[in-house]
């Protein structure tokens, strides 16, 4: 199989970071003000990035897809539960991203949201047809355009001469803001190994992927926060229109949506292969995109915060167990059908996450929940060893 270089992995995750969803999420931080908002964004991305790195490193070391690595901790059938949940969340992400992209582009060229859903979805299918290891010049051109156009967007927002204004909505707590910053890198945990497993140099590629994504994601959050503070506008499309970006705005919105959503659809196909070996990952990814197009055309998807927290509650304790097993306990449970011990610990971690959501914690509750889950794994291992 053709392997990806460190630079190719960096480009892939640059495209993942330049996302309309991340810019829109960044607008919520405006109520904290620039200094506190920046601190929450950075802290959240450090926490989420560290977890993302460890998750990607497992796939890079073993050469397994993300959902195949899950079987190392939960067993061959136990891992299928998370593969199914991952496919569902990726179908949801595909629909959300197409919906957001079509809505934004429709604010500039109002020819009907369904038209833009079809255009964006068609381009995602083109990316899938080309394939992750063959994007080559196409990905380089796309990333170069996105870099130039997002720099222009920064110029419009931060160097227009306007002073930051007050945001009328009630300020969220610092802990809640950190959690919202953790949420985006956390959403990539169940799929980063789908890309690091194909790298020539897994450790370097994983580090490059996480650093590039983390920096770009912070940049997108700051653009969103800056847009709300300096322009008083949370609709990025309208900011671009007022700045006279025109066609450039169209390219930013469509291309950023395609390069991010491609990863969701592609990984949905790979995860589906973990459920049934006869499935073709590429064809499944195309089918997922088609479902996403229909979902974006039929259902409103304006607020994704609950969706982000649901993803966190499912996958944060899952990856915590994987980290404990792979890096600390050196356990491999792929030979059993289901590891009941780890499934029970995951259920406790899931319940704890939902309970911690009601508590305002300075560093957010994802880190606390994952630390608790790792501690449970270590305690359970010691207990079972004593009994043995």
Foldseek 3Di string as FASTA:
>chain_A
DAFDELVLLLLLLLLQQLAPVLLLLLQLLLQVPDPLLLVLLLLLLVVLLVLLLLLQLLLLVVLDFLLVLLCQQWALQRSLVVLVVLLVLLLVVLLLLLLSLLVLLCVQVVPDSLVSLVVLLVLLLVDLVCHSNRCPPVSVVLSVLLVVLVVVLCCLLPVPPFAFDHDDDHRDDSQVSNQSSNLVSLNCSSGSSNRLSRHPRSNSSSVSSSVSNSVSSSVSSSSSSSCCGRVVDNSSSVSCVVVVVRVSSNSSSSSSSSSNSSSSLLRSLVSVCSVPVVGHSSVSSSVSSVSSSVSSNPDDDDDCPVVSLLSLLQRLLSSLSSSLCVPPVVGGNHVHHTDVLSVVLSVVLSVVSVVCVVPRDNNYCSVVSSVVSSVSNVVVVVVVVVVD
